[in-house]
Structure formats: structure tokens, C-alpha cells
C-alpha atoms as a PDB file:
ATOM      1  CA  MET A   1     109.597  48.543 152.573  1.00  0.00           C
ATOM      2  CA  THR A   2     107.648  51.787 152.580  1.00  0.00           C
ATOM      3  CA  ILE A   3     107.769  54.299 149.748  1.00  0.00           C
ATOM      4  CA  ALA A   4     109.849  56.663 151.898  1.00  0.00           C
ATOM      5  CA  ASP A   5     112.458  53.928 152.519  1.00  0.00           C
ATOM      6  CA  ARG A   6     112.720  52.933 148.849  1.00  0.00           C
ATOM      7  CA  PRO A   7     115.810  53.988 146.871  1.00  0.00           C
ATOM      8  CA  GLN A   8     115.339  56.942 144.555  1.00  0.00           C
ATOM      9  CA  PRO A   9     117.376  58.489 141.758  1.00  0.00           C
ATOM     10  CA  ARG A  10     120.197  60.471 143.379  1.00  0.00           C
ATOM     11  CA  SER A  11     120.414  63.219 140.764  1.00  0.00           C
ATOM     12  CA  LEU A  12     119.372  64.275 137.287  1.00  0.00           C
ATOM     13  CA  THR A  13     122.552  62.641 136.000  1.00  0.00           C
ATOM     14  CA  ASP A  14     121.622  59.369 137.717  1.00  0.00           C
ATOM     15  CA  LEU A  15     118.188  59.558 136.110  1.00  0.00           C
ATOM     16  CA  PHE A  16     119.669  60.310 132.670  1.00  0.00           C
ATOM     17  CA  LEU A  17     122.263  57.529 132.860  1.00  0.00           C
ATOM     18  CA  SER A  18     119.783  54.985 134.241  1.00  0.00           C
ATOM     19  CA  PHE A  19     117.309  55.527 131.415  1.00  0.00           C
ATOM     20  CA  ASN A  20     120.115  55.715 128.863  1.00  0.00           C
ATOM     21  CA  GLN A  21     121.368  52.323 130.022  1.00  0.00           C
ATOM     22  CA  LEU A  22     117.830  50.957 129.989  1.00  0.00           C
ATOM     23  CA  ALA A  23     117.296  52.202 126.426  1.00  0.00           C
ATOM     24  CA  LEU A  24     120.513  50.604 125.220  1.00  0.00           C
ATOM     25  CA  GLN A  25     119.649  47.246 126.790  1.00  0.00           C
ATOM     26  CA  GLY A  26     116.112  47.129 125.506  1.00  0.00           C
ATOM     27  CA  PHE A  27     116.640  47.822 121.843  1.00  0.00           C
ATOM     28  CA  GLY A  28     113.406  46.824 120.066  1.00  0.00           C
ATOM     29  CA  GLY A  29     111.390  45.882 123.147  1.00  0.00           C
ATOM     30  CA  VAL A  30     112.038  47.134 126.619  1.00  0.00           C
ATOM     31  CA  LEU A  31     109.237  45.901 128.889  1.00  0.00           C
ATOM     32  CA  ALA A  32     111.174  43.004 130.413  1.00  0.00           C
ATOM     33  CA  ILE A  33     114.311  45.068 130.844  1.00  0.00           C
ATOM     34  CA  ALA A  34     112.431  48.052 132.305  1.00  0.00           C
ATOM     35  CA  GLN A  35     110.754  45.795 134.861  1.00  0.00           C
ATOM     36  CA  ARG A  36     114.069  44.200 135.856  1.00  0.00           C
ATOM     37  CA  GLU A  37     115.938  47.505 136.093  1.00  0.00           C
ATOM     38  CA  LEU A  38     113.298  49.680 137.767  1.00  0.00           C
ATOM     39  CA  VAL A  39     111.723  47.081 140.088  1.00  0.00           C
ATOM     40  CA  GLU A  40     114.331  44.424 140.838  1.00  0.00           C
ATOM     41  CA  ARG A  41     117.660  46.175 140.408  1.00  0.00           C
ATOM     42  CA  LYS A  42     117.114  49.840 141.303  1.00  0.00           C
ATOM     43  CA  ARG A  43     113.928  49.254 143.371  1.00  0.00           C
ATOM     44  CA  TRP A  44     112.504  52.652 142.387  1.00  0.00           C
ATOM     45  CA  LEU A  45     109.065  50.996 141.963  1.00  0.00           C
ATOM     46  CA  SER A  46     107.276  47.978 143.397  1.00  0.00           C
ATOM     47  CA  ASN A  47     105.920  45.373 140.977  1.00  0.00           C
ATOM     48  CA  GLU A  48     102.391  46.694 141.478  1.00  0.00           C
ATOM     49  CA  GLU A  49     103.473  50.302 140.915  1.00  0.00           C
ATOM     50  CA  PHE A  50     105.323  49.264 137.773  1.00  0.00           C
ATOM     51  CA  VAL A  51     102.213  47.578 136.367  1.00  0.00           C
ATOM     52  CA  GLU A  52     100.097  50.639 137.170  1.00  0.00           C
ATOM     53  CA  GLU A  53     102.625  53.074 135.687  1.00  0.00           C
ATOM     54  CA  TRP A  54     103.106  50.884 132.593  1.00  0.00           C
ATOM     55  CA  SER A  55      99.324  50.766 132.106  1.00  0.00           C
ATOM     56  CA  VAL A  56      99.134  54.556 132.146  1.00  0.00           C
ATOM     57  CA  ALA A  57     102.168  54.793 129.838  1.00  0.00           C
ATOM     58  CA  GLN A  58     100.434  52.528 127.316  1.00  0.00           C
ATOM     59  CA  ILE A  59      97.356  54.706 126.949  1.00  0.00           C
ATOM     60  CA  MET A  60      99.343  57.921 126.571  1.00  0.00           C
ATOM     61  CA  PRO A  61     100.381  58.918 123.042  1.00  0.00           C
ATOM     62  CA  GLY A  62     103.935  58.009 122.127  1.00  0.00           C
ATOM     63  CA  PRO A  63     106.286  55.158 122.985  1.00  0.00           C
ATOM     64  CA  ASN A  64     105.401  53.402 126.256  1.00  0.00           C
ATOM     65  CA  ILE A  65     108.889  53.431 127.719  1.00  0.00           C
ATOM     66  CA  VAL A  66     109.389  57.124 126.955  1.00  0.00           C
ATOM     67  CA  ASN A  67     106.094  57.849 128.711  1.00  0.00           C
ATOM     68  CA  LEU A  68     107.235  55.782 131.697  1.00  0.00           C
ATOM     69  CA  ALA A  69     110.563  57.638 131.822  1.00  0.00           C
ATOM     70  CA  LEU A  70     108.682  60.930 131.683  1.00  0.00           C
ATOM     71  CA  MET A  71     106.436  59.949 134.612  1.00  0.00           C
ATOM     72  CA  ILE A  72     109.264  58.643 136.796  1.00  0.00           C
ATOM     73  CA  GLY A  73     111.495  61.632 136.063  1.00  0.00           C
ATOM     74  CA  ALA A  74     108.665  64.065 136.820  1.00  0.00           C
ATOM     75  CA  ARG A  75     107.818  62.259 140.063  1.00  0.00           C
ATOM     76  CA  HIS A  76     111.343  62.678 141.427  1.00  0.00           C
ATOM     77  CA  PHE A  77     112.609  65.958 139.952  1.00  0.00           C
ATOM     78  CA  GLY A  78     109.660  67.688 138.303  1.00  0.00           C
ATOM     79  CA  LEU A  79     110.002  69.028 134.760  1.00  0.00           C
ATOM     80  CA  ARG A  80     113.825  68.831 134.831  1.00  0.00           C
ATOM     81  CA  GLY A  81     113.616  65.177 135.850  1.00  0.00           C
ATOM     82  CA  ALA A  82     111.134  64.419 133.091  1.00  0.00           C
ATOM     83  CA  MET A  83     113.417  66.038 130.528  1.00  0.00           C
ATOM     84  CA  ALA A  84     116.520  64.248 131.849  1.00  0.00           C
ATOM     85  CA  ALA A  85     114.814  60.845 131.802  1.00  0.00           C
ATOM     86  CA  VAL A  86     113.445  61.322 128.276  1.00  0.00           C
ATOM     87  CA  ALA A  87     116.811  62.620 127.050  1.00  0.00           C
ATOM     88  CA  GLY A  88     118.423  59.515 128.529  1.00  0.00           C
ATOM     89  CA  MET A  89     115.940  57.331 126.675  1.00  0.00           C
ATOM     90  CA  LEU A  90     116.487  59.026 123.318  1.00  0.00           C
ATOM     91  CA  ALA A  91     120.028  60.440 123.034  1.00  0.00           C
ATOM     92  CA  LEU A  92     122.359  57.508 122.371  1.00  0.00           C
ATOM     93  CA  PRO A  93     119.711  55.209 120.863  1.00  0.00           C
ATOM     94  CA  LEU A  94     119.000  57.893 118.248  1.00  0.00           C
ATOM     95  CA  VAL A  95     122.660  57.939 117.230  1.00  0.00           C
ATOM     96  CA  LEU A  96     122.719  54.125 117.072  1.00  0.00           C
ATOM     97  CA  VAL A  97     119.564  53.923 114.951  1.00  0.00           C
ATOM     98  CA  LEU A  98     120.966  56.407 112.462  1.00  0.00           C
ATOM     99  CA  ALA A  99     124.231  54.440 112.242  1.00  0.00           C
ATOM    100  CA  LEU A 100     122.339  51.147 111.823  1.00  0.00           C
ATOM    101  CA  ALA A 101     120.165  52.661 109.093  1.00  0.00           C
ATOM    102  CA  LEU A 102     123.285  53.600 107.149  1.00  0.00           C
ATOM    103  CA  LEU A 103     124.707  50.113 107.666  1.00  0.00           C
ATOM    104  CA  TYR A 104     121.439  48.413 106.710  1.00  0.00           C
ATOM    105  CA  ALA A 105     121.320  50.395 103.453  1.00  0.00           C
ATOM    106  CA  GLN A 106     124.639  48.763 102.507  1.00  0.00           C
ATOM    107  CA  PHE A 107     123.533  45.156 103.235  1.00  0.00           C
ATOM    108  CA  ALA A 108     119.725  45.136 102.799  1.00  0.00           C
ATOM    109  CA  HIS A 109     119.852  42.912  99.716  1.00  0.00           C
ATOM    110  CA  HIS A 110     121.630  40.007 101.478  1.00  0.00           C
ATOM    111  CA  PRO A 111     119.446  37.004 102.461  1.00  0.00           C
ATOM    112  CA  GLN A 112     121.387  36.659 105.731  1.00  0.00           C
ATOM    113  CA  MET A 113     120.067  40.067 106.753  1.00  0.00           C
ATOM    114  CA  ALA A 114     116.452  38.891 106.404  1.00  0.00           C
ATOM    115  CA  GLY A 115     117.223  35.791 108.495  1.00  0.00           C
ATOM    116  CA  ALA A 116     118.888  37.859 111.190  1.00  0.00           C
ATOM    117  CA  LEU A 117     115.879  40.175 111.406  1.00  0.00           C
ATOM    118  CA  ARG A 118     113.484  37.199 111.720  1.00  0.00           C
ATOM    119  CA  GLY A 119     115.640  35.811 114.531  1.00  0.00           C
ATOM    120  CA  MET A 120     115.586  39.143 116.369  1.00  0.00           C
ATOM    121  CA  GLY A 121     111.782  39.174 116.091  1.00  0.00           C
ATOM    122  CA  ALA A 122     111.581  35.772 117.792  1.00  0.00           C
ATOM    123  CA  VAL A 123     113.863  36.946 120.601  1.00  0.00           C
ATOM    124  CA  ALA A 124     111.744  40.075 121.143  1.00  0.00           C
ATOM    125  CA  ALA A 125     108.564  37.960 121.318  1.00  0.00           C
ATOM    126  CA  GLY A 126     110.206  35.711 123.910  1.00  0.00           C
ATOM    127  CA  LEU A 127     111.247  38.699 126.030  1.00  0.00           C
ATOM    128  CA  ILE A 128     107.715  40.082 125.986  1.00  0.00           C
ATOM    129  CA  LEU A 129     106.266  36.712 126.993  1.00  0.00           C
ATOM    130  CA  ALA A 130     108.799  36.368 129.828  1.00  0.00           C
ATOM    131  CA  ALA A 131     107.928  39.835 131.132  1.00  0.00           C
ATOM    132  CA  ALA A 132     104.209  39.050 130.993  1.00  0.00           C
ATOM    133  CA  LEU A 133     104.713  35.872 133.015  1.00  0.00           C
ATOM    134  CA  LYS A 134     106.857  37.714 135.552  1.00  0.00           C
ATOM    135  CA  LEU A 135     104.302  40.495 135.983  1.00  0.00           C
ATOM    136  CA  ALA A 136     101.289  38.160 136.159  1.00  0.00           C
ATOM    137  CA  GLY A 137     101.589  37.999 139.958  1.00  0.00           C
ATOM    138  CA  ALA A 138     100.608  41.657 140.175  1.00  0.00           C
ATOM    139  CA  LEU A 139      97.184  40.724 138.768  1.00  0.00           C
ATOM    140  CA  LYS A 140      96.287  39.105 142.100  1.00  0.00           C
ATOM    141  CA  THR A 141      95.469  42.559 143.469  1.00  0.00           C
ATOM    142  CA  ASN A 142      93.588  43.663 140.335  1.00  0.00           C
ATOM    143  CA  PRO A 143      89.934  44.523 141.083  1.00  0.00           C
ATOM    144  CA  LEU A 144      88.781  42.297 138.220  1.00  0.00           C
ATOM    145  CA  GLY A 145      90.590  39.228 139.525  1.00  0.00           C
ATOM    146  CA  MET A 146      93.009  36.892 137.812  1.00  0.00           C
ATOM    147  CA  PRO A 147      90.462  34.825 135.784  1.00  0.00           C
ATOM    148  CA  ALA A 148      88.878  37.926 134.224  1.00  0.00           C
ATOM    149  CA  CYS A 149      92.304  39.412 133.403  1.00  0.00           C
ATOM    150  CA  VAL A 150      93.453  36.184 131.735  1.00  0.00           C
ATOM    151  CA  THR A 151      90.195  35.950 129.782  1.00  0.00           C
ATOM    152  CA  LEU A 152      90.554  39.548 128.594  1.00  0.00           C
ATOM    153  CA  GLY A 153      94.174  38.931 127.602  1.00  0.00           C
ATOM    154  CA  VAL A 154      93.244  35.863 125.575  1.00  0.00           C
ATOM    155  CA  ALA A 155      90.354  37.749 123.962  1.00  0.00           C
ATOM    156  CA  CYS A 156      92.630  40.645 122.989  1.00  0.00           C
ATOM    157  CA  PHE A 157      95.304  38.327 121.620  1.00  0.00           C
ATOM    158  CA  SER A 158      92.710  36.386 119.637  1.00  0.00           C
ATOM    159  CA  GLY A 159      91.159  39.539 118.233  1.00  0.00           C
ATOM    160  CA  VAL A 160      94.445  41.098 117.151  1.00  0.00           C
ATOM    161  CA  ALA A 161      96.655  38.129 116.236  1.00  0.00           C
ATOM    162  CA  LEU A 162      94.154  35.575 114.968  1.00  0.00           C
ATOM    163  CA  LEU A 163      91.162  37.540 113.711  1.00  0.00           C
ATOM    164  CA  ARG A 164      93.179  40.624 112.650  1.00  0.00           C
ATOM    165  CA  TRP A 165      90.626  43.061 114.101  1.00  0.00           C
ATOM    166  CA  PRO A 166      91.740  46.671 114.409  1.00  0.00           C
ATOM    167  CA  LEU A 167      93.026  47.448 117.901  1.00  0.00           C
ATOM    168  CA  ILE A 168      90.649  50.409 118.280  1.00  0.00           C
ATOM    169  CA  TYR A 169      87.653  48.028 118.121  1.00  0.00           C
ATOM    170  CA  LEU A 170      89.110  45.901 120.890  1.00  0.00           C
ATOM    171  CA  LEU A 171      89.951  48.932 123.000  1.00  0.00           C
ATOM    172  CA  LEU A 172      86.419  50.226 122.675  1.00  0.00           C
ATOM    173  CA  GLY A 173      84.705  46.838 122.924  1.00  0.00           C
ATOM    174  CA  LEU A 174      86.747  45.343 125.764  1.00  0.00           C
ATOM    175  CA  GLY A 175      88.695  48.190 127.309  1.00  0.00           C
ATOM    176  CA  VAL A 176      85.925  50.690 127.988  1.00  0.00           C
ATOM    177  CA  PRO A 177      83.533  48.205 129.666  1.00  0.00           C
ATOM    178  CA  THR A 178      86.406  46.702 131.638  1.00  0.00           C
ATOM    179  CA  CYS A 179      87.492  50.125 132.901  1.00  0.00           C
ATOM    180  CA  LEU A 180      83.922  50.857 133.971  1.00  0.00           C
ATOM    181  CA  VAL A 181      83.672  47.550 135.864  1.00  0.00           C
ATOM    182  CA  ALA A 182      87.032  48.159 137.574  1.00  0.00           C
ATOM    183  CA  TYR A 183      85.963  51.714 138.466  1.00  0.00           C
ATOM    184  CA  ARG A 184      82.737  50.463 140.043  1.00  0.00           C
ATOM    185  CA  ARG A 185      84.606  47.843 142.075  1.00  0.00           C
ATOM    186  CA  LEU A 186      87.135  50.379 143.314  1.00  0.00           C
ATOM    187  CA  ALA A 187      84.559  53.023 144.198  1.00  0.00           C
ATOM    188  CA  PRO A 188      83.862  53.339 147.935  1.00  0.00           C
END
């Protein structure tokens, strides 16, 4: 399917409602849900485009999914589309977070609350792992190749999770040289 044949958001309202629905489904971690909604269900992006857009969204300041919404909205409807997509991402979730904060203040001292929050953390970690496995196929077309990407992923995980190094050191130590290598391989 070519880009011209691919479905697109029909209106600003469609864009707003789509990202609002995405935000409500992905409370606390939205990568897996964004991939399913935007690539598999709505087909606004291919898997490769999603990985590229997500990569750009991650290096921009602010929440990744809001950055992605901004880019997709701007691509289809310009500034109005960007605003509609971001409003969809933030409107109802903001109201829910404020309501949950009030509710949490009432029950924060209960041990069941701490257990429930630990359980939600495990679910979020599982969703992120599932999304990573689903998107791994897009690495086949990466200029670095699958083995280098896996090695870099393991190195980053080890540095952050096991060695507790600051992320900025890993970004500078691994990210900058990797970007340079990828740039050289993509250059004509």
C-alpha cells in the first residue's frame, strides 16, 4: 500500500477523538497501544514509519506520545491538526488524573494501595516489553543491522537498570557515536 492509498484522519474531530481514545487506553505507558492503534488499527503509519516517528518523538522535549501526536496532527492538518491531536491527548486524561489525585489522597495510607500500584508497574513493564518485541522486526531495515541494535539495547539497559548510570552519559557515549555511524552508512 502506498502512502497515498493509506487511510488518513478524516477531520480535526477524528484526530482529536483518536488521540483522546489512545490517551485513555494507554494510561501510564502508551507505546504498545499507540503502535496498535496507529499502525495496525487505523493504518495511518507503517511499522517502519512508526519506529522513525517514535524515535524523533523521544529526543524532543516533553512526553513522547504528545510529541508523536503533535507530529501526526501537523502532517495531516498543519498547526490546527497539531493542536487538535495534542488537545485530544491531554483533555480528558487531565481531568482523570486530577480526580485520581483527590481519590488517592483519601486512601494513600492503606497497604492495599501500595500493592495495587506495584501490580500496575508490573503490567506497564510487560506492555513495554511486548511493544519492543512487536517492533523489533522494523530493525531489519536499520542501517546498523539487527545485531548492533540488540547490542546497543542491552548496553543501554545494563547501564541504566543495572549500573545506575545517568542517562545523559549513555546518550552521549552510545547515542552520539551510533548516530554518526548510521549517518555515514545512509550517506550517498
